[in-house]
Amino acid sequence: MTGDGAEDLYFANYSQSLEDRLLVNDGKGFFTDETVRRLPSEFVESSLGYACAIVDMNADGFNDIVKNTHHGPMDLAIAYNDPSNEGFFRVIDLVYNCCPSYVSVGDLNNDGKLDLVAPADAQDHYFLNQGNGPDGLPDWISFPFPESSNGFDHNTVIADLDNDGFNDVLIADVDLDLPSCAQRLDIHHNLGLRPNLSFQEDVGNLPTDARGPLRGTHDVAVFDLNGDGRLDLVIGTCSGTTIWIQQLIGDLDGDGTVGILDLLILLSNWGPCPDPPEGCPADLDDDGSVGILDLLTLLANWG
């Protein structure tokens, strides 16, 4: 953040009696607390600060600081790096002032500008970066996510789960202050309807039953575990950790492609599924039978 090429650290403070900390790297791995010297006092004041990020929010080439605090005063705020005095932060933008429980940064609508996702006690929101205004800072438009299963949310991940070119949003449900294992992980599928986007709550074939692997989610890691180019999930819950490997829809023989062998398997299972339906992998749309919609889905994923 100071322009010397050495990575610095910023810590959002959870305690209600302490402040955030900016630790500046001297280039040799030794860090000095320069919070008071470089940041306004009102920005570093925290009450239940859960998350922060060091990113260039206004695309001026200088890293800024994004943070949230659940009880204010800087609920969701950005401290902007001063280009004329790099490493010092004098301009603060309060983006949102209603009890966000986390913040994540990523480009949601593929316009090259960084957007924000902020789950909150009342309703989760995403904030689209409209580009810099006359003051050189981004203007924001906020939108609510679809009605979710949760009253309190927490850790949030932005990632393109279905490789359609638009980032999706995963929001864990366990709140650190009011822990409960009764709710579940939300997965919001980005439908890519620009400019303002639209999200649809869609957990795919992950089970949502009361004691299932999405219930009581503390955190989720999203990355390609098996090198097949599709993102997988590692989900940490109240009852343990589960790993979910994303499958190519229509790859019925498990060879990594959708082709003639998969088509033959689907055709050989044409008609109603057996009872119980677990032995009916060709039912791609989960409607209880193998039919024309399953055939069209397989053909759409050919290759």
C-alpha atoms as a PDB file:
ATOM      1  CA  MET A   1       0.000   0.000   0.000  1.00  0.00           C
ATOM      2  CA  THR A   2       2.949   2.321   0.463  1.00  0.00           C
ATOM      3  CA  GLY A   3       4.405   1.845  -3.023  1.00  0.00           C
ATOM      4  CA  ASP A   4       7.643   0.124  -1.980  1.00  0.00           C
ATOM      5  CA  GLY A   5       6.673  -3.280  -3.391  1.00  0.00           C
ATOM      6  CA  ALA A   6       6.452  -4.931   0.050  1.00  0.00           C
ATOM      7  CA  GLU A   7       3.109  -6.432   1.065  1.00  0.00           C
ATOM      8  CA  ASP A   8       1.468  -4.683   4.016  1.00  0.00           C
ATOM      9  CA  LEU A   9      -1.279  -5.948   6.337  1.00  0.00           C
ATOM     10  CA  TYR A  10      -4.594  -4.562   7.534  1.00  0.00           C
ATOM     11  CA  PHE A  11      -6.603  -6.156  10.342  1.00  0.00           C
ATOM     12  CA  ALA A  12     -10.272  -5.389  10.995  1.00  0.00           C
ATOM     13  CA  ASN A  13     -10.811  -5.654  14.727  1.00  0.00           C
ATOM     14  CA  TYR A  14     -13.597  -7.801  16.157  1.00  0.00           C
ATOM     15  CA  SER A  15     -13.450  -6.531  19.719  1.00  0.00           C
ATOM     16  CA  GLN A  16     -15.611  -3.585  20.721  1.00  0.00           C
ATOM     17  CA  SER A  17     -12.780  -1.991  22.703  1.00  0.00           C
ATOM     18  CA  LEU A  18      -9.896  -2.013  20.205  1.00  0.00           C
ATOM     19  CA  GLU A  19      -9.183  -0.426  16.834  1.00  0.00           C
ATOM     20  CA  ASP A  20      -8.120  -1.835  13.458  1.00  0.00           C
ATOM     21  CA  ARG A  21      -4.429  -2.084  12.694  1.00  0.00           C
ATOM     22  CA  LEU A  22      -2.351  -1.189   9.638  1.00  0.00           C
ATOM     23  CA  LEU A  23       1.028  -2.930   9.708  1.00  0.00           C
ATOM     24  CA  VAL A  24       3.583  -1.645   7.211  1.00  0.00           C
ATOM     25  CA  ASN A  25       6.227  -4.024   5.869  1.00  0.00           C
ATOM     26  CA  ASP A  26       9.803  -2.685   5.769  1.00  0.00           C
ATOM     27  CA  GLY A  27      10.593  -5.022   2.848  1.00  0.00           C
ATOM     28  CA  LYS A  28      12.403  -7.535   5.049  1.00  0.00           C
ATOM     29  CA  GLY A  29       9.356  -9.041   6.706  1.00  0.00           C
ATOM     30  CA  PHE A  30       9.359  -6.752   9.712  1.00  0.00           C
ATOM     31  CA  PHE A  31       6.137  -4.836  10.342  1.00  0.00           C
ATOM     32  CA  THR A  32       5.513  -1.518  12.069  1.00  0.00           C
ATOM     33  CA  ASP A  33       2.153  -0.374  13.398  1.00  0.00           C
ATOM     34  CA  GLU A  34       1.454   2.851  11.482  1.00  0.00           C
ATOM     35  CA  THR A  35      -2.310   2.963  12.010  1.00  0.00           C
ATOM     36  CA  VAL A  36      -2.424   6.344  13.740  1.00  0.00           C
ATOM     37  CA  ARG A  37       0.073   7.929  11.366  1.00  0.00           C
ATOM     38  CA  ARG A  38      -1.605   6.904   8.114  1.00  0.00           C
ATOM     39  CA  LEU A  39      -5.352   6.516   8.745  1.00  0.00           C
ATOM     40  CA  PRO A  40      -8.158   8.730  10.102  1.00  0.00           C
ATOM     41  CA  SER A  41      -9.241   7.726  13.597  1.00  0.00           C
ATOM     42  CA  GLU A  42     -12.892   7.365  12.586  1.00  0.00           C
ATOM     43  CA  PHE A  43     -12.033   4.753   9.965  1.00  0.00           C
ATOM     44  CA  VAL A  44     -10.100   2.410  12.248  1.00  0.00           C
ATOM     45  CA  GLU A  45     -12.743   2.473  14.984  1.00  0.00           C
ATOM     46  CA  SER A  46     -14.472  -0.914  14.934  1.00  0.00           C
ATOM     47  CA  SER A  47     -17.234  -2.766  16.679  1.00  0.00           C
ATOM     48  CA  LEU A  48     -17.432  -6.367  15.454  1.00  0.00           C
ATOM     49  CA  GLY A  49     -15.229  -5.888  12.410  1.00  0.00           C
ATOM     50  CA  TYR A  50     -15.436  -9.174  10.525  1.00  0.00           C
ATOM     51  CA  ALA A  51     -13.724  -8.580   7.180  1.00  0.00           C
ATOM     52  CA  CYS A  52     -11.484  -6.280   5.178  1.00  0.00           C
ATOM     53  CA  ALA A  53      -9.658  -6.215   1.843  1.00  0.00           C
ATOM     54  CA  ILE A  54      -6.747  -4.347   0.266  1.00  0.00           C
ATOM     55  CA  VAL A  55      -7.745  -3.561  -3.329  1.00  0.00           C
ATOM     56  CA  ASP A  56      -7.729  -0.683  -5.809  1.00  0.00           C
ATOM     57  CA  MET A  57     -11.399   0.290  -5.752  1.00  0.00           C
ATOM     58  CA  ASN A  58     -11.253   3.403  -7.941  1.00  0.00           C
ATOM     59  CA  ALA A  59      -8.733   2.064 -10.493  1.00  0.00           C
ATOM     60  CA  ASP A  60      -6.190   4.828  -9.949  1.00  0.00           C
ATOM     61  CA  GLY A  61      -3.309   2.389  -9.514  1.00  0.00           C
ATOM     62  CA  PHE A  62      -3.146   2.673  -5.723  1.00  0.00           C
ATOM     63  CA  ASN A  63      -4.455   0.101  -3.261  1.00  0.00           C
ATOM     64  CA  ASP A  64      -7.298   1.160  -0.982  1.00  0.00           C
ATOM     65  CA  ILE A  65      -8.829  -0.449   2.129  1.00  0.00           C
ATOM     66  CA  VAL A  66     -12.360  -1.901   2.284  1.00  0.00           C
ATOM     67  CA  LYS A  67     -13.793  -2.900   5.670  1.00  0.00           C
ATOM     68  CA  ASN A  68     -16.997  -3.719   7.480  1.00  0.00           C
ATOM     69  CA  THR A  69     -18.013  -3.352  11.095  1.00  0.00           C
ATOM     70  CA  HIS A  70     -21.260  -4.862  12.284  1.00  0.00           C
ATOM     71  CA  HIS A  71     -22.064  -2.160  14.843  1.00  0.00           C
ATOM     72  CA  GLY A  72     -20.451   0.839  13.141  1.00  0.00           C
ATOM     73  CA  PRO A  73     -19.407   3.504  12.921  1.00  0.00           C
ATOM     74  CA  MET A  74     -17.853   2.523   9.572  1.00  0.00           C
ATOM     75  CA  ASP A  75     -20.439  -0.160   8.694  1.00  0.00           C
ATOM     76  CA  LEU A  76     -19.211  -0.657   5.114  1.00  0.00           C
ATOM     77  CA  ALA A  77     -16.535   1.829   4.168  1.00  0.00           C
ATOM     78  CA  ILE A  78     -13.537   2.437   1.936  1.00  0.00           C
ATOM     79  CA  ALA A  79     -10.400   4.430   2.808  1.00  0.00           C
ATOM     80  CA  TYR A  80      -8.777   5.714  -0.386  1.00  0.00           C
ATOM     81  CA  ASN A  81      -5.040   5.863  -0.878  1.00  0.00           C
ATOM     82  CA  ASP A  82      -3.730   9.353  -1.602  1.00  0.00           C
ATOM     83  CA  PRO A  83      -1.927   9.268  -4.988  1.00  0.00           C
ATOM     84  CA  SER A  84       0.056  12.376  -4.054  1.00  0.00           C
ATOM     85  CA  ASN A  85       1.177  10.837  -0.774  1.00  0.00           C
ATOM     86  CA  GLU A  86       1.015   7.081  -1.298  1.00  0.00           C
ATOM     87  CA  GLY A  87       0.335   5.026   1.778  1.00  0.00           C
ATOM     88  CA  PHE A  88      -1.689   7.715   3.523  1.00  0.00           C
ATOM     89  CA  PHE A  89      -5.483   7.555   3.591  1.00  0.00           C
ATOM     90  CA  ARG A  90      -7.445  10.739   4.118  1.00  0.00           C
ATOM     91  CA  VAL A  91     -10.637  10.257   2.064  1.00  0.00           C
ATOM     92  CA  ILE A  92     -13.316   7.905   3.436  1.00  0.00           C
ATOM     93  CA  ASP A  93     -16.420   6.735   1.582  1.00  0.00           C
ATOM     94  CA  LEU A  94     -19.235   5.260   3.687  1.00  0.00           C
ATOM     95  CA  VAL A  95     -20.910   2.924   1.203  1.00  0.00           C
ATOM     96  CA  TYR A  96     -23.562   1.384   3.482  1.00  0.00           C
ATOM     97  CA  ASN A  97     -24.626   2.053   7.055  1.00  0.00           C
ATOM     98  CA  CYS A  98     -26.813  -0.864   8.090  1.00  0.00           C
ATOM     99  CA  CYS A  99     -25.110  -3.652  10.029  1.00  0.00           C
ATOM    100  CA  PRO A 100     -23.215  -5.652   7.368  1.00  0.00           C
ATOM    101  CA  SER A 101     -21.804  -8.873   8.751  1.00  0.00           C
ATOM    102  CA  TYR A 102     -19.125  -9.383   6.080  1.00  0.00           C
ATOM    103  CA  VAL A 103     -17.785  -7.896   2.846  1.00  0.00           C
ATOM    104  CA  SER A 104     -16.318  -9.480  -0.297  1.00  0.00           C
ATOM    105  CA  VAL A 105     -14.920  -7.778  -3.378  1.00  0.00           C
ATOM    106  CA  GLY A 106     -15.188  -8.932  -7.007  1.00  0.00           C
ATOM    107  CA  ASP A 107     -16.424  -8.016 -10.459  1.00  0.00           C
ATOM    108  CA  LEU A 108     -20.035  -9.211 -10.641  1.00  0.00           C
ATOM    109  CA  ASN A 109     -21.148  -7.793 -13.997  1.00  0.00           C
ATOM    110  CA  ASN A 110     -17.926  -8.126 -16.030  1.00  0.00           C
ATOM    111  CA  ASP A 111     -17.473  -4.405 -16.594  1.00  0.00           C
ATOM    112  CA  GLY A 112     -13.909  -4.382 -15.263  1.00  0.00           C
ATOM    113  CA  LYS A 113     -14.875  -2.554 -12.065  1.00  0.00           C
ATOM    114  CA  LEU A 114     -14.818  -4.044  -8.590  1.00  0.00           C
ATOM    115  CA  ASP A 115     -18.191  -4.553  -6.896  1.00  0.00           C
ATOM    116  CA  LEU A 116     -19.096  -5.388  -3.294  1.00  0.00           C
ATOM    117  CA  VAL A 117     -21.174  -8.098  -1.599  1.00  0.00           C
ATOM    118  CA  ALA A 118     -22.369  -7.433   1.941  1.00  0.00           C
ATOM    119  CA  PRO A 119     -24.568  -9.880   3.852  1.00  0.00           C
ATOM    120  CA  ALA A 120     -26.434  -8.265   6.724  1.00  0.00           C
ATOM    121  CA  ASP A 121     -28.894  -8.965   9.526  1.00  0.00           C
ATOM    122  CA  ALA A 122     -31.897  -7.726   7.583  1.00  0.00           C
ATOM    123  CA  GLN A 123     -31.186  -8.603   3.942  1.00  0.00           C
ATOM    124  CA  ASP A 124     -28.071  -9.342   1.945  1.00  0.00           C
ATOM    125  CA  HIS A 125     -27.066  -6.803  -0.729  1.00  0.00           C
ATOM    126  CA  TYR A 126     -24.673  -6.404  -3.616  1.00  0.00           C
ATOM    127  CA  PHE A 127     -23.262  -3.030  -4.640  1.00  0.00           C
ATOM    128  CA  LEU A 128     -22.427  -2.384  -8.286  1.00  0.00           C
ATOM    129  CA  ASN A 129     -19.590   0.013  -9.043  1.00  0.00           C
ATOM    130  CA  GLN A 130     -20.858   2.611 -11.527  1.00  0.00           C
ATOM    131  CA  GLY A 131     -17.453   4.095 -12.185  1.00  0.00           C
ATOM    132  CA  ASN A 132     -15.813   7.146 -10.704  1.00  0.00           C
ATOM    133  CA  GLY A 133     -17.760  10.339 -10.203  1.00  0.00           C
ATOM    134  CA  PRO A 134     -16.362  13.886 -10.372  1.00  0.00           C
ATOM    135  CA  ASP A 135     -14.692  13.320  -6.988  1.00  0.00           C
ATOM    136  CA  GLY A 136     -12.648  10.439  -8.399  1.00  0.00           C
ATOM    137  CA  LEU A 137     -14.461   7.893  -6.215  1.00  0.00           C
ATOM    138  CA  PRO A 138     -16.853   5.153  -7.376  1.00  0.00           C
ATOM    139  CA  ASP A 139     -20.585   5.751  -7.359  1.00  0.00           C
ATOM    140  CA  TRP A 140     -22.659   2.799  -6.119  1.00  0.00           C
ATOM    141  CA  ILE A 141     -26.061   1.246  -6.760  1.00  0.00           C
ATOM    142  CA  SER A 142     -27.259  -1.417  -4.318  1.00  0.00           C
ATOM    143  CA  PHE A 143     -29.623  -4.329  -4.914  1.00  0.00           C
ATOM    144  CA  PRO A 144     -30.959  -7.015  -2.569  1.00  0.00           C
ATOM    145  CA  PHE A 145     -30.278 -10.678  -3.155  1.00  0.00           C
ATOM    146  CA  PRO A 146     -33.310 -12.960  -3.474  1.00  0.00           C
ATOM    147  CA  GLU A 147     -35.025 -13.952  -0.257  1.00  0.00           C
ATOM    148  CA  SER A 148     -32.666 -16.342   1.458  1.00  0.00           C
ATOM    149  CA  SER A 149     -32.962 -19.044   4.059  1.00  0.00           C
ATOM    150  CA  ASN A 150     -31.029 -17.071   6.635  1.00  0.00           C
ATOM    151  CA  GLY A 151     -31.706 -14.328   9.136  1.00  0.00           C
ATOM    152  CA  PHE A 152     -28.008 -13.820   9.888  1.00  0.00           C
ATOM    153  CA  ASP A 153     -25.204 -14.404   7.397  1.00  0.00           C
ATOM    154  CA  HIS A 154     -21.463 -14.296   7.474  1.00  0.00           C
ATOM    155  CA  ASN A 155     -18.520 -15.465   5.348  1.00  0.00           C
ATOM    156  CA  THR A 156     -19.023 -14.750   1.670  1.00  0.00           C
ATOM    157  CA  VAL A 157     -17.285 -16.049  -1.460  1.00  0.00           C
ATOM    158  CA  ILE A 158     -17.505 -14.644  -5.007  1.00  0.00           C
ATOM    159  CA  ALA A 159     -16.732 -17.256  -7.693  1.00  0.00           C
ATOM    160  CA  ASP A 160     -17.988 -18.408 -11.113  1.00  0.00           C
ATOM    161  CA  LEU A 161     -19.332 -21.842 -10.211  1.00  0.00           C
ATOM    162  CA  ASP A 162     -20.852 -22.745 -13.578  1.00  0.00           C
ATOM    163  CA  ASN A 163     -18.190 -21.268 -15.899  1.00  0.00           C
ATOM    164  CA  ASP A 164     -20.686 -18.990 -17.632  1.00  0.00           C
ATOM    165  CA  GLY A 165     -18.408 -15.960 -17.297  1.00  0.00           C
ATOM    166  CA  PHE A 166     -20.352 -14.333 -14.453  1.00  0.00           C
ATOM    167  CA  ASN A 167     -19.383 -14.613 -10.796  1.00  0.00           C
ATOM    168  CA  ASP A 168     -21.850 -16.277  -8.449  1.00  0.00           C
ATOM    169  CA  VAL A 169     -22.124 -15.618  -4.705  1.00  0.00           C
ATOM    170  CA  LEU A 170     -22.002 -18.086  -1.799  1.00  0.00           C
ATOM    171  CA  ILE A 171     -23.030 -16.877   1.676  1.00  0.00           C
ATOM    172  CA  ALA A 172     -22.455 -18.971   4.809  1.00  0.00           C
ATOM    173  CA  ASP A 173     -25.129 -18.892   7.474  1.00  0.00           C
ATOM    174  CA  VAL A 174     -23.480 -19.222  10.891  1.00  0.00           C
ATOM    175  CA  ASP A 175     -23.242 -15.876  12.671  1.00  0.00           C
ATOM    176  CA  LEU A 176     -20.418 -15.628  15.215  1.00  0.00           C
ATOM    177  CA  ASP A 177     -22.466 -13.575  17.669  1.00  0.00           C
ATOM    178  CA  LEU A 178     -25.652 -15.651  17.531  1.00  0.00           C
ATOM    179  CA  PRO A 179     -24.449 -19.126  16.546  1.00  0.00           C
ATOM    180  CA  SER A 180     -27.075 -21.475  15.200  1.00  0.00           C
ATOM    181  CA  CYS A 181     -26.885 -24.546  12.996  1.00  0.00           C
ATOM    182  CA  ALA A 182     -30.501 -24.367  11.808  1.00  0.00           C
ATOM    183  CA  GLN A 183     -30.006 -22.308   8.642  1.00  0.00           C
ATOM    184  CA  ARG A 184     -28.028 -23.195   5.525  1.00  0.00           C
ATOM    185  CA  LEU A 185     -25.520 -22.002   2.952  1.00  0.00           C
ATOM    186  CA  ASP A 186     -27.006 -19.821   0.204  1.00  0.00           C
ATOM    187  CA  ILE A 187     -25.726 -20.107  -3.370  1.00  0.00           C
ATOM    188  CA  HIS A 188     -26.878 -17.220  -5.567  1.00  0.00           C
ATOM    189  CA  HIS A 189     -26.546 -17.989  -9.281  1.00  0.00           C
ATOM    190  CA  ASN A 190     -25.673 -14.924 -11.354  1.00  0.00           C
ATOM    191  CA  LEU A 191     -27.983 -14.924 -14.386  1.00  0.00           C
ATOM    192  CA  GLY A 192     -25.774 -12.374 -16.156  1.00  0.00           C
ATOM    193  CA  LEU A 193     -28.589  -9.944 -16.962  1.00  0.00           C
ATOM    194  CA  ARG A 194     -26.597  -6.756 -17.264  1.00  0.00           C
ATOM    195  CA  PRO A 195     -26.294  -3.968 -16.350  1.00  0.00           C
ATOM    196  CA  ASN A 196     -27.862  -4.451 -12.913  1.00  0.00           C
ATOM    197  CA  LEU A 197     -27.839  -8.268 -12.857  1.00  0.00           C
ATOM    198  CA  SER A 198     -30.272 -10.746 -11.402  1.00  0.00           C
ATOM    199  CA  PHE A 199     -29.511 -13.595  -8.998  1.00  0.00           C
ATOM    200  CA  GLN A 200     -31.399 -16.827  -8.451  1.00  0.00           C
ATOM    201  CA  GLU A 201     -30.974 -18.939  -5.320  1.00  0.00           C
ATOM    202  CA  ASP A 202     -29.789 -22.303  -6.650  1.00  0.00           C
ATOM    203  CA  VAL A 203     -27.893 -24.972  -4.711  1.00  0.00           C
ATOM    204  CA  GLY A 204     -27.969 -27.473  -7.570  1.00  0.00           C
ATOM    205  CA  ASN A 205     -28.251 -31.056  -6.366  1.00  0.00           C
ATOM    206  CA  LEU A 206     -26.755 -30.356  -2.930  1.00  0.00           C
ATOM    207  CA  PRO A 207     -29.120 -31.741  -0.258  1.00  0.00           C
ATOM    208  CA  THR A 208     -30.943 -29.110   1.796  1.00  0.00           C
ATOM    209  CA  ASP A 209     -32.472 -31.351   4.482  1.00  0.00           C
ATOM    210  CA  ALA A 210     -32.328 -30.281   8.124  1.00  0.00           C
ATOM    211  CA  ARG A 211     -29.182 -32.294   8.901  1.00  0.00           C
ATOM    212  CA  GLY A 212     -27.592 -32.030   5.486  1.00  0.00           C
ATOM    213  CA  PRO A 213     -24.165 -30.700   4.492  1.00  0.00           C
ATOM    214  CA  LEU A 214     -25.413 -27.161   3.842  1.00  0.00           C
ATOM    215  CA  ARG A 215     -26.818 -26.677   7.336  1.00  0.00           C
ATOM    216  CA  GLY A 216     -24.864 -24.674   9.880  1.00  0.00           C
ATOM    217  CA  THR A 217     -22.166 -23.555   7.435  1.00  0.00           C
ATOM    218  CA  HIS A 218     -19.273 -21.646   8.992  1.00  0.00           C
ATOM    219  CA  ASP A 219     -17.289 -21.213   5.780  1.00  0.00           C
ATOM    220  CA  VAL A 220     -16.840 -22.565   2.278  1.00  0.00           C
ATOM    221  CA  ALA A 221     -13.723 -22.823   0.114  1.00  0.00           C
ATOM    222  CA  VAL A 222     -14.184 -22.725  -3.657  1.00  0.00           C
ATOM    223  CA  PHE A 223     -11.430 -24.020  -5.945  1.00  0.00           C
ATOM    224  CA  ASP A 224     -10.655 -26.712  -8.533  1.00  0.00           C
ATOM    225  CA  LEU A 225      -9.699 -29.737  -6.479  1.00  0.00           C
ATOM    226  CA  ASN A 226      -9.192 -32.306  -9.236  1.00  0.00           C
ATOM    227  CA  GLY A 227      -7.863 -30.166 -12.084  1.00  0.00           C
ATOM    228  CA  ASP A 228     -10.839 -30.645 -14.412  1.00  0.00           C
ATOM    229  CA  GLY A 229     -11.465 -26.915 -14.883  1.00  0.00           C
ATOM    230  CA  ARG A 230     -14.615 -26.884 -12.719  1.00  0.00           C
ATOM    231  CA  LEU A 231     -14.805 -25.344  -9.259  1.00  0.00           C
ATOM    232  CA  ASP A 232     -15.433 -27.676  -6.331  1.00  0.00           C
ATOM    233  CA  LEU A 233     -16.593 -26.971  -2.770  1.00  0.00           C
ATOM    234  CA  VAL A 234     -15.129 -27.661   0.659  1.00  0.00           C
ATOM    235  CA  ILE A 235     -17.875 -26.849   3.165  1.00  0.00           C
ATOM    236  CA  GLY A 236     -17.204 -26.489   6.890  1.00  0.00           C
ATOM    237  CA  THR A 237     -20.304 -26.926   9.055  1.00  0.00           C
ATOM    238  CA  CYS A 238     -21.319 -27.421  12.681  1.00  0.00           C
ATOM    239  CA  SER A 239     -21.133 -31.178  12.175  1.00  0.00           C
ATOM    240  CA  GLY A 240     -17.940 -31.479  10.129  1.00  0.00           C
ATOM    241  CA  THR A 241     -16.410 -30.854   6.724  1.00  0.00           C
ATOM    242  CA  THR A 242     -17.617 -32.205   3.396  1.00  0.00           C
ATOM    243  CA  ILE A 243     -16.057 -32.102  -0.076  1.00  0.00           C
ATOM    244  CA  TRP A 244     -18.181 -31.799  -3.207  1.00  0.00           C
ATOM    245  CA  ILE A 245     -16.701 -32.409  -6.660  1.00  0.00           C
ATOM    246  CA  GLN A 246     -18.554 -30.656  -9.450  1.00  0.00           C
ATOM    247  CA  GLN A 247     -19.701 -32.998 -12.195  1.00  0.00           C
ATOM    248  CA  LEU A 248     -20.125 -32.274 -15.886  1.00  0.00           C
ATOM    249  CA  ILE A 249     -23.875 -32.478 -16.523  1.00  0.00           C
ATOM    250  CA  GLY A 250     -24.544 -35.324 -18.950  1.00  0.00           C
ATOM    251  CA  ASP A 251     -21.250 -37.128 -18.322  1.00  0.00           C
ATOM    252  CA  LEU A 252     -22.996 -40.346 -17.335  1.00  0.00           C
ATOM    253  CA  ASP A 253     -20.008 -42.646 -17.796  1.00  0.00           C
ATOM    254  CA  GLY A 254     -17.622 -40.397 -15.838  1.00  0.00           C
ATOM    255  CA  ASP A 255     -14.965 -40.021 -18.538  1.00  0.00           C
ATOM    256  CA  GLY A 256     -14.890 -36.201 -18.378  1.00  0.00           C
ATOM    257  CA  THR A 257     -16.754 -35.629 -21.641  1.00  0.00           C
ATOM    258  CA  VAL A 258     -20.322 -35.844 -22.906  1.00  0.00           C
ATOM    259  CA  GLY A 259     -20.513 -38.046 -25.987  1.00  0.00           C
ATOM    260  CA  ILE A 260     -22.025 -41.060 -27.679  1.00  0.00           C
ATOM    261  CA  LEU A 261     -21.622 -43.426 -24.698  1.00  0.00           C
ATOM    262  CA  ASP A 262     -23.512 -41.001 -22.477  1.00  0.00           C
ATOM    263  CA  LEU A 263     -26.244 -40.706 -25.101  1.00  0.00           C
ATOM    264  CA  LEU A 264     -26.612 -44.490 -25.220  1.00  0.00           C
ATOM    265  CA  ILE A 265     -26.855 -44.663 -21.411  1.00  0.00           C
ATOM    266  CA  LEU A 266     -29.567 -42.023 -21.407  1.00  0.00           C
ATOM    267  CA  LEU A 267     -31.581 -43.745 -24.142  1.00  0.00           C
ATOM    268  CA  SER A 268     -31.305 -47.108 -22.380  1.00  0.00           C
ATOM    269  CA  ASN A 269     -32.877 -45.539 -19.263  1.00  0.00           C
ATOM    270  CA  TRP A 270     -35.706 -43.788 -21.143  1.00  0.00           C
ATOM    271  CA  GLY A 271     -38.956 -43.578 -19.210  1.00  0.00           C
ATOM    272  CA  PRO A 272     -39.954 -43.404 -15.526  1.00  0.00           C
ATOM    273  CA  CYS A 273     -37.194 -43.775 -12.942  1.00  0.00           C
ATOM    274  CA  PRO A 274     -37.234 -46.736 -10.566  1.00  0.00           C
ATOM    275  CA  ASP A 275     -38.317 -46.344  -6.968  1.00  0.00           C
ATOM    276  CA  PRO A 276     -36.230 -45.283  -5.090  1.00  0.00           C
ATOM    277  CA  PRO A 277     -34.884 -42.845  -7.748  1.00  0.00           C
ATOM    278  CA  GLU A 278     -31.236 -42.824  -6.595  1.00  0.00           C
ATOM    279  CA  GLY A 279     -30.365 -45.269  -9.369  1.00  0.00           C
ATOM    280  CA  CYS A 280     -31.502 -42.918 -12.113  1.00  0.00           C
ATOM    281  CA  PRO A 281     -28.469 -40.777 -13.036  1.00  0.00           C
ATOM    282  CA  ALA A 282     -29.844 -40.113 -16.537  1.00  0.00           C
ATOM    283  CA  ASP A 283     -32.682 -38.066 -15.006  1.00  0.00           C
ATOM    284  CA  LEU A 284     -30.739 -34.827 -15.463  1.00  0.00           C
ATOM    285  CA  ASP A 285     -33.626 -32.508 -14.592  1.00  0.00           C
ATOM    286  CA  ASP A 286     -34.709 -34.522 -11.505  1.00  0.00           C
ATOM    287  CA  ASP A 287     -38.337 -34.797 -12.593  1.00  0.00           C
ATOM    288  CA  GLY A 288     -38.584 -38.531 -11.903  1.00  0.00           C
ATOM    289  CA  SER A 289     -38.238 -39.723 -15.472  1.00  0.00           C
ATOM    290  CA  VAL A 290     -35.767 -39.760 -18.354  1.00  0.00           C
ATOM    291  CA  GLY A 291     -37.193 -37.924 -21.325  1.00  0.00           C
ATOM    292  CA  ILE A 292     -36.826 -35.204 -23.905  1.00  0.00           C
ATOM    293  CA  LEU A 293     -35.664 -32.508 -21.459  1.00  0.00           C
ATOM    294  CA  ASP A 294     -32.861 -34.764 -20.266  1.00  0.00           C
ATOM    295  CA  LEU A 295     -31.875 -35.475 -23.864  1.00  0.00           C
ATOM    296  CA  LEU A 296     -31.763 -31.752 -24.665  1.00  0.00           C
ATOM    297  CA  THR A 297     -29.654 -31.090 -21.549  1.00  0.00           C
ATOM    298  CA  LEU A 298     -27.168 -33.786 -22.532  1.00  0.00           C
ATOM    299  CA  LEU A 299     -26.901 -32.467 -26.090  1.00  0.00           C
ATOM    300  CA  ALA A 300     -26.375 -28.919 -24.800  1.00  0.00           C
ATOM    301  CA  ASN A 301     -23.284 -30.134 -22.889  1.00  0.00           C
ATOM    302  CA  TRP A 302     -21.905 -32.265 -25.724  1.00  0.00           C
ATOM    303  CA  GLY A 303     -18.156 -32.389 -25.939  1.00  0.00           C
END
